Amino acid sequence: MITIPAHSHNYKQANRTKKDIQWIVIHDAEAKSAMGVANYFQNPKLAKPVSSHFVVGEEWGSFNPLVIRCVEDKDIAYTQGFANDWCLSIELQGFASYSDSDWWDKRNDTLYAAAMVVSYWSRKYEIPISLLTDSEMGLMGPTHRGITTHAAITKAFNIPGGHVDPGPNFPLEKFLQMCRDVKELPEEYQL
């Protein structure tokens, strides 16, 4: 894991605790480069501030996935609009247009590394590795702890022109099972 901190313009400093963090949100970065996404978050002149807690990709080869911390968990990344205050966000190098096999064939190590991060968060913040339903997301904020996607937030809250990531073919159930199957976190994922 490396750290490439987002510029302070692109996130909100906070002092969130376990009780404040309710959801883990899965995104795709719509990018070929995880490092490029992390570097983008360092730009202080973005018209609309944006960041994520982690960006995960494979630029260092298939046996060494790249896990980049951009925002500390206690702070609020600007990733999913009004829901930022109670979310942890992870960007996966890839595209919403990927097929299920694209994710498994092109980004398998990305999925593995992301599963380690999600599993770590799940344990640390007592967030179950289960997919939130629309009703569990609640109209006025979180009513349950769990995992969701940017697309699900857009749909549940009927956000016009909202996001579709990580895409309709993202292997979400298989990914969640990968997260559940993590029995012990390797040392490099002790975040």
C-alpha atoms as a PDB file:
ATOM      1  CA  MET A   1       0.000   0.000   0.000  1.00  0.00           C
ATOM      2  CA  ILE A   2       1.131   3.503  -0.759  1.00  0.00           C
ATOM      3  CA  THR A   3      -0.303   6.860   0.197  1.00  0.00           C
ATOM      4  CA  ILE A   4      -0.959   9.637  -2.287  1.00  0.00           C
ATOM      5  CA  PRO A   5      -3.003  12.112  -0.255  1.00  0.00           C
ATOM      6  CA  ALA A   6      -5.823  13.961  -1.954  1.00  0.00           C
ATOM      7  CA  HIS A   7      -5.553  17.740  -1.849  1.00  0.00           C
ATOM      8  CA  SER A   8      -7.409  19.218   1.129  1.00  0.00           C
ATOM      9  CA  HIS A   9      -9.752  20.995  -1.334  1.00  0.00           C
ATOM     10  CA  ASN A  10     -11.007  17.552  -2.416  1.00  0.00           C
ATOM     11  CA  TYR A  11     -12.134  16.117   0.929  1.00  0.00           C
ATOM     12  CA  LYS A  12     -13.369  17.286   4.316  1.00  0.00           C
ATOM     13  CA  GLN A  13     -11.262  16.833   7.409  1.00  0.00           C
ATOM     14  CA  ALA A  14     -13.300  15.181  10.129  1.00  0.00           C
ATOM     15  CA  ASN A  15     -12.925  12.961  13.126  1.00  0.00           C
ATOM     16  CA  ARG A  16     -15.381  10.199  12.291  1.00  0.00           C
ATOM     17  CA  THR A  17     -15.651   7.175  14.542  1.00  0.00           C
ATOM     18  CA  LYS A  18     -16.993   3.664  14.051  1.00  0.00           C
ATOM     19  CA  LYS A  19     -20.553   4.814  14.748  1.00  0.00           C
ATOM     20  CA  ASP A  20     -20.342   7.490  12.031  1.00  0.00           C
ATOM     21  CA  ILE A  21     -19.294   5.105   9.252  1.00  0.00           C
ATOM     22  CA  GLN A  22     -22.239   3.081   7.935  1.00  0.00           C
ATOM     23  CA  TRP A  23     -21.654   2.140   4.292  1.00  0.00           C
ATOM     24  CA  ILE A  24     -18.850   0.910   2.074  1.00  0.00           C
ATOM     25  CA  VAL A  25     -19.385   2.150  -1.476  1.00  0.00           C
ATOM     26  CA  ILE A  26     -17.880   0.422  -4.518  1.00  0.00           C
ATOM     27  CA  HIS A  27     -16.996   2.590  -7.523  1.00  0.00           C
ATOM     28  CA  ASP A  28     -15.115   2.129 -10.743  1.00  0.00           C
ATOM     29  CA  ALA A  29     -12.666   4.857 -11.622  1.00  0.00           C
ATOM     30  CA  GLU A  30     -13.486   5.025 -15.348  1.00  0.00           C
ATOM     31  CA  ALA A  31      -9.745   5.064 -15.875  1.00  0.00           C
ATOM     32  CA  LYS A  32      -6.893   2.913 -17.128  1.00  0.00           C
ATOM     33  CA  SER A  33      -4.545   4.092 -14.391  1.00  0.00           C
ATOM     34  CA  ALA A  34      -5.060   3.867 -10.638  1.00  0.00           C
ATOM     35  CA  MET A  35      -2.034   6.100 -10.144  1.00  0.00           C
ATOM     36  CA  GLY A  36      -3.556   8.643 -12.532  1.00  0.00           C
ATOM     37  CA  VAL A  37      -6.776   8.710 -10.493  1.00  0.00           C
ATOM     38  CA  ALA A  38      -4.884   9.214  -7.238  1.00  0.00           C
ATOM     39  CA  ASN A  39      -2.857  12.004  -8.816  1.00  0.00           C
ATOM     40  CA  TYR A  40      -6.076  13.608 -10.095  1.00  0.00           C
ATOM     41  CA  PHE A  41      -7.334  13.797  -6.501  1.00  0.00           C
ATOM     42  CA  GLN A  42      -4.262  15.926  -5.698  1.00  0.00           C
ATOM     43  CA  ASN A  43      -5.396  18.716  -8.039  1.00  0.00           C
ATOM     44  CA  PRO A  44      -6.480  21.717  -5.922  1.00  0.00           C
ATOM     45  CA  LYS A  45      -8.189  23.415  -8.869  1.00  0.00           C
ATOM     46  CA  LEU A  46     -10.908  20.907  -9.687  1.00  0.00           C
ATOM     47  CA  ALA A  47     -14.194  22.680 -10.419  1.00  0.00           C
ATOM     48  CA  LYS A  48     -16.009  20.015  -8.397  1.00  0.00           C
ATOM     49  CA  PRO A  49     -13.952  18.563  -5.530  1.00  0.00           C
ATOM     50  CA  VAL A  50     -13.600  14.778  -5.732  1.00  0.00           C
ATOM     51  CA  SER A  51     -11.701  12.053  -3.901  1.00  0.00           C
ATOM     52  CA  SER A  52     -11.971   8.532  -2.533  1.00  0.00           C
ATOM     53  CA  HIS A  53     -10.497   6.781   0.475  1.00  0.00           C
ATOM     54  CA  PHE A  54      -8.729   4.187  -1.687  1.00  0.00           C
ATOM     55  CA  VAL A  55      -7.927   3.572  -5.336  1.00  0.00           C
ATOM     56  CA  VAL A  56      -7.046   0.010  -6.309  1.00  0.00           C
ATOM     57  CA  GLY A  57      -5.462  -1.135  -9.579  1.00  0.00           C
ATOM     58  CA  GLU A  58      -2.842  -3.377 -11.150  1.00  0.00           C
ATOM     59  CA  GLU A  59      -0.178  -1.153 -12.602  1.00  0.00           C
ATOM     60  CA  TRP A  60       2.656  -2.949 -10.848  1.00  0.00           C
ATOM     61  CA  GLY A  61       1.912  -6.337 -12.349  1.00  0.00           C
ATOM     62  CA  SER A  62      -0.486  -9.130 -11.631  1.00  0.00           C
ATOM     63  CA  PHE A  63       1.325 -10.302  -8.490  1.00  0.00           C
ATOM     64  CA  ASN A  64       1.533  -6.876  -6.906  1.00  0.00           C
ATOM     65  CA  PRO A  65      -1.756  -4.965  -7.113  1.00  0.00           C
ATOM     66  CA  LEU A  66      -1.554  -1.281  -6.399  1.00  0.00           C
ATOM     67  CA  VAL A  67      -3.500  -0.122  -3.333  1.00  0.00           C
ATOM     68  CA  ILE A  68      -3.414   3.652  -2.856  1.00  0.00           C
ATOM     69  CA  ARG A  69      -4.780   5.467   0.179  1.00  0.00           C
ATOM     70  CA  CYS A  70      -5.941   8.974  -0.747  1.00  0.00           C
ATOM     71  CA  VAL A  71      -8.118   9.987   2.233  1.00  0.00           C
ATOM     72  CA  GLU A  72      -7.943   8.752   5.831  1.00  0.00           C
ATOM     73  CA  ASP A  73     -11.000   6.816   7.023  1.00  0.00           C
ATOM     74  CA  LYS A  74     -11.781   9.431   9.683  1.00  0.00           C
ATOM     75  CA  ASP A  75     -12.085  12.083   6.968  1.00  0.00           C
ATOM     76  CA  ILE A  76     -14.901  12.526   4.440  1.00  0.00           C
ATOM     77  CA  ALA A  77     -14.065  11.785   0.810  1.00  0.00           C
ATOM     78  CA  TYR A  78     -16.116  13.638  -1.795  1.00  0.00           C
ATOM     79  CA  THR A  79     -17.323  10.663  -3.785  1.00  0.00           C
ATOM     80  CA  GLN A  80     -21.095  10.109  -3.645  1.00  0.00           C
ATOM     81  CA  GLY A  81     -22.696  13.474  -2.955  1.00  0.00           C
ATOM     82  CA  PHE A  82     -25.030  13.785   0.025  1.00  0.00           C
ATOM     83  CA  ALA A  83     -24.028  10.327   1.359  1.00  0.00           C
ATOM     84  CA  ASN A  84     -20.344  11.206   1.827  1.00  0.00           C
ATOM     85  CA  ASP A  85     -20.641  11.801   5.580  1.00  0.00           C
ATOM     86  CA  TRP A  86     -21.380   8.161   6.445  1.00  0.00           C
ATOM     87  CA  CYS A  87     -19.449   6.319   3.698  1.00  0.00           C
ATOM     88  CA  LEU A  88     -16.070   4.805   2.972  1.00  0.00           C
ATOM     89  CA  SER A  89     -15.310   4.741  -0.740  1.00  0.00           C
ATOM     90  CA  ILE A  90     -13.107   2.575  -2.903  1.00  0.00           C
ATOM     91  CA  GLU A  91     -12.377   3.231  -6.579  1.00  0.00           C
ATOM     92  CA  LEU A  92     -11.498   0.232  -8.745  1.00  0.00           C
ATOM     93  CA  GLN A  93      -9.379   0.715 -11.831  1.00  0.00           C
ATOM     94  CA  GLY A  94     -11.772  -0.209 -14.618  1.00  0.00           C
ATOM     95  CA  PHE A  95     -14.863   0.860 -16.504  1.00  0.00           C
ATOM     96  CA  ALA A  96     -18.622   0.574 -16.032  1.00  0.00           C
ATOM     97  CA  SER A  97     -18.774  -0.830 -19.572  1.00  0.00           C
ATOM     98  CA  TYR A  98     -16.765  -3.932 -18.577  1.00  0.00           C
ATOM     99  CA  SER A  99     -18.422  -7.311 -18.844  1.00  0.00           C
ATOM    100  CA  ASP A 100     -18.338  -9.817 -15.995  1.00  0.00           C
ATOM    101  CA  SER A 101     -15.463 -11.609 -17.735  1.00  0.00           C
ATOM    102  CA  ASP A 102     -13.595  -8.307 -18.274  1.00  0.00           C
ATOM    103  CA  TRP A 103     -13.591  -7.799 -14.506  1.00  0.00           C
ATOM    104  CA  TRP A 104     -12.402 -11.359 -13.878  1.00  0.00           C
ATOM    105  CA  ASP A 105      -9.946 -11.519 -16.789  1.00  0.00           C
ATOM    106  CA  LYS A 106      -8.599  -7.948 -16.822  1.00  0.00           C
ATOM    107  CA  ARG A 107      -8.976  -6.888 -13.185  1.00  0.00           C
ATOM    108  CA  ASN A 108      -8.806 -10.058 -11.100  1.00  0.00           C
ATOM    109  CA  ASP A 109      -5.970  -8.724  -8.939  1.00  0.00           C
ATOM    110  CA  THR A 110      -7.827  -5.439  -8.542  1.00  0.00           C
ATOM    111  CA  LEU A 111     -10.832  -7.357  -7.229  1.00  0.00           C
ATOM    112  CA  TYR A 112      -8.627  -9.395  -4.880  1.00  0.00           C
ATOM    113  CA  ALA A 113      -6.917  -6.298  -3.436  1.00  0.00           C
ATOM    114  CA  ALA A 114     -10.250  -4.470  -3.141  1.00  0.00           C
ATOM    115  CA  ALA A 115     -11.713  -7.480  -1.302  1.00  0.00           C
ATOM    116  CA  MET A 116      -8.879  -7.193   1.221  1.00  0.00           C
ATOM    117  CA  VAL A 117      -9.648  -3.491   1.812  1.00  0.00           C
ATOM    118  CA  VAL A 118     -13.396  -4.105   2.110  1.00  0.00           C
ATOM    119  CA  SER A 119     -12.823  -7.033   4.464  1.00  0.00           C
ATOM    120  CA  TYR A 120     -10.545  -4.876   6.616  1.00  0.00           C
ATOM    121  CA  TRP A 121     -13.169  -2.100   6.768  1.00  0.00           C
ATOM    122  CA  SER A 122     -15.906  -4.614   7.513  1.00  0.00           C
ATOM    123  CA  ARG A 123     -14.025  -5.882  10.549  1.00  0.00           C
ATOM    124  CA  LYS A 124     -12.807  -2.529  11.799  1.00  0.00           C
ATOM    125  CA  TYR A 125     -16.147  -0.699  11.507  1.00  0.00           C
ATOM    126  CA  GLU A 126     -18.464  -3.681  12.075  1.00  0.00           C
ATOM    127  CA  ILE A 127     -20.068  -3.301   8.661  1.00  0.00           C
ATOM    128  CA  PRO A 128     -21.607  -6.564   7.430  1.00  0.00           C
ATOM    129  CA  ILE A 129     -20.542  -7.811   4.021  1.00  0.00           C
ATOM    130  CA  SER A 130     -24.066  -7.682   2.698  1.00  0.00           C
ATOM    131  CA  LEU A 131     -25.662  -5.676  -0.061  1.00  0.00           C
ATOM    132  CA  LEU A 132     -27.956  -2.889   1.101  1.00  0.00           C
ATOM    133  CA  THR A 133     -31.466  -2.754  -0.329  1.00  0.00           C
ATOM    134  CA  ASP A 134     -33.063   0.514  -1.402  1.00  0.00           C
ATOM    135  CA  SER A 135     -35.192   0.594   1.758  1.00  0.00           C
ATOM    136  CA  GLU A 136     -32.174  -0.085   3.977  1.00  0.00           C
ATOM    137  CA  MET A 137     -30.474   2.981   2.561  1.00  0.00           C
ATOM    138  CA  GLY A 138     -33.325   5.090   3.939  1.00  0.00           C
ATOM    139  CA  LEU A 139     -34.715   8.292   2.516  1.00  0.00           C
ATOM    140  CA  MET A 140     -33.162  10.511   5.180  1.00  0.00           C
ATOM    141  CA  GLY A 141     -29.845   8.727   5.604  1.00  0.00           C
ATOM    142  CA  PRO A 142     -28.594   5.327   6.584  1.00  0.00           C
ATOM    143  CA  THR A 143     -30.834   2.973   8.519  1.00  0.00           C
ATOM    144  CA  HIS A 144     -28.567  -0.082   8.146  1.00  0.00           C
ATOM    145  CA  ARG A 145     -24.855  -0.791   7.784  1.00  0.00           C
ATOM    146  CA  GLY A 146     -23.694  -2.573   4.643  1.00  0.00           C
ATOM    147  CA  ILE A 147     -22.184  -2.378   1.193  1.00  0.00           C
ATOM    148  CA  THR A 148     -23.543  -0.635  -1.862  1.00  0.00           C
ATOM    149  CA  THR A 149     -22.461   0.827  -5.189  1.00  0.00           C
ATOM    150  CA  HIS A 150     -22.550   4.313  -6.617  1.00  0.00           C
ATOM    151  CA  ALA A 151     -25.183   3.093  -9.092  1.00  0.00           C
ATOM    152  CA  ALA A 152     -27.395   1.764  -6.281  1.00  0.00           C
ATOM    153  CA  ILE A 153     -27.248   5.108  -4.467  1.00  0.00           C
ATOM    154  CA  THR A 154     -28.245   6.877  -7.696  1.00  0.00           C
ATOM    155  CA  LYS A 155     -31.185   4.504  -8.173  1.00  0.00           C
ATOM    156  CA  ALA A 156     -32.371   4.432  -4.539  1.00  0.00           C
ATOM    157  CA  PHE A 157     -32.437   8.205  -4.258  1.00  0.00           C
ATOM    158  CA  ASN A 158     -33.593   8.855  -7.848  1.00  0.00           C
ATOM    159  CA  ILE A 159     -30.658  11.159  -8.610  1.00  0.00           C
ATOM    160  CA  PRO A 160     -31.040  12.615 -12.136  1.00  0.00           C
ATOM    161  CA  GLY A 161     -27.979  12.082 -14.307  1.00  0.00           C
ATOM    162  CA  GLY A 162     -26.396  10.041 -11.544  1.00  0.00           C
ATOM    163  CA  HIS A 163     -23.655   7.461 -11.742  1.00  0.00           C
ATOM    164  CA  VAL A 164     -23.828   3.886 -13.014  1.00  0.00           C
ATOM    165  CA  ASP A 165     -20.560   2.585 -11.599  1.00  0.00           C
ATOM    166  CA  PRO A 166     -19.212   0.020 -11.178  1.00  0.00           C
ATOM    167  CA  GLY A 167     -21.511  -0.981 -14.041  1.00  0.00           C
ATOM    168  CA  PRO A 168     -24.374  -3.394 -14.677  1.00  0.00           C
ATOM    169  CA  ASN A 169     -22.022  -6.324 -15.297  1.00  0.00           C
ATOM    170  CA  PHE A 170     -19.827  -5.856 -12.245  1.00  0.00           C
ATOM    171  CA  PRO A 171     -19.677  -9.258 -10.504  1.00  0.00           C
ATOM    172  CA  LEU A 172     -21.010  -7.871  -7.241  1.00  0.00           C
ATOM    173  CA  GLU A 173     -22.174 -11.109  -5.622  1.00  0.00           C
ATOM    174  CA  LYS A 174     -18.907 -12.865  -6.510  1.00  0.00           C
ATOM    175  CA  PHE A 175     -16.958  -9.874  -5.214  1.00  0.00           C
ATOM    176  CA  LEU A 176     -18.877  -9.864  -1.917  1.00  0.00           C
ATOM    177  CA  GLN A 177     -18.166 -13.583  -1.579  1.00  0.00           C
ATOM    178  CA  MET A 178     -14.453 -12.843  -2.100  1.00  0.00           C
ATOM    179  CA  CYS A 179     -14.710 -10.341   0.773  1.00  0.00           C
ATOM    180  CA  ARG A 180     -16.462 -12.904   3.000  1.00  0.00           C
ATOM    181  CA  ASP A 181     -13.871 -15.562   2.165  1.00  0.00           C
ATOM    182  CA  VAL A 182     -11.018 -13.493   3.602  1.00  0.00           C
ATOM    183  CA  LYS A 183     -10.138 -15.350   6.778  1.00  0.00           C
ATOM    184  CA  GLU A 184      -6.976 -13.509   7.682  1.00  0.00           C
ATOM    185  CA  LEU A 185      -5.687 -10.280   6.253  1.00  0.00           C
ATOM    186  CA  PRO A 186      -2.161 -10.397   4.845  1.00  0.00           C
ATOM    187  CA  GLU A 187       0.202  -7.971   6.560  1.00  0.00           C
ATOM    188  CA  GLU A 188       0.194  -5.581   3.586  1.00  0.00           C
ATOM    189  CA  TYR A 189      -3.562  -5.097   4.068  1.00  0.00           C
ATOM    190  CA  GLN A 190      -3.346  -4.110   7.723  1.00  0.00           C
ATOM    191  CA  LEU A 191      -4.353  -0.593   6.792  1.00  0.00           C
END
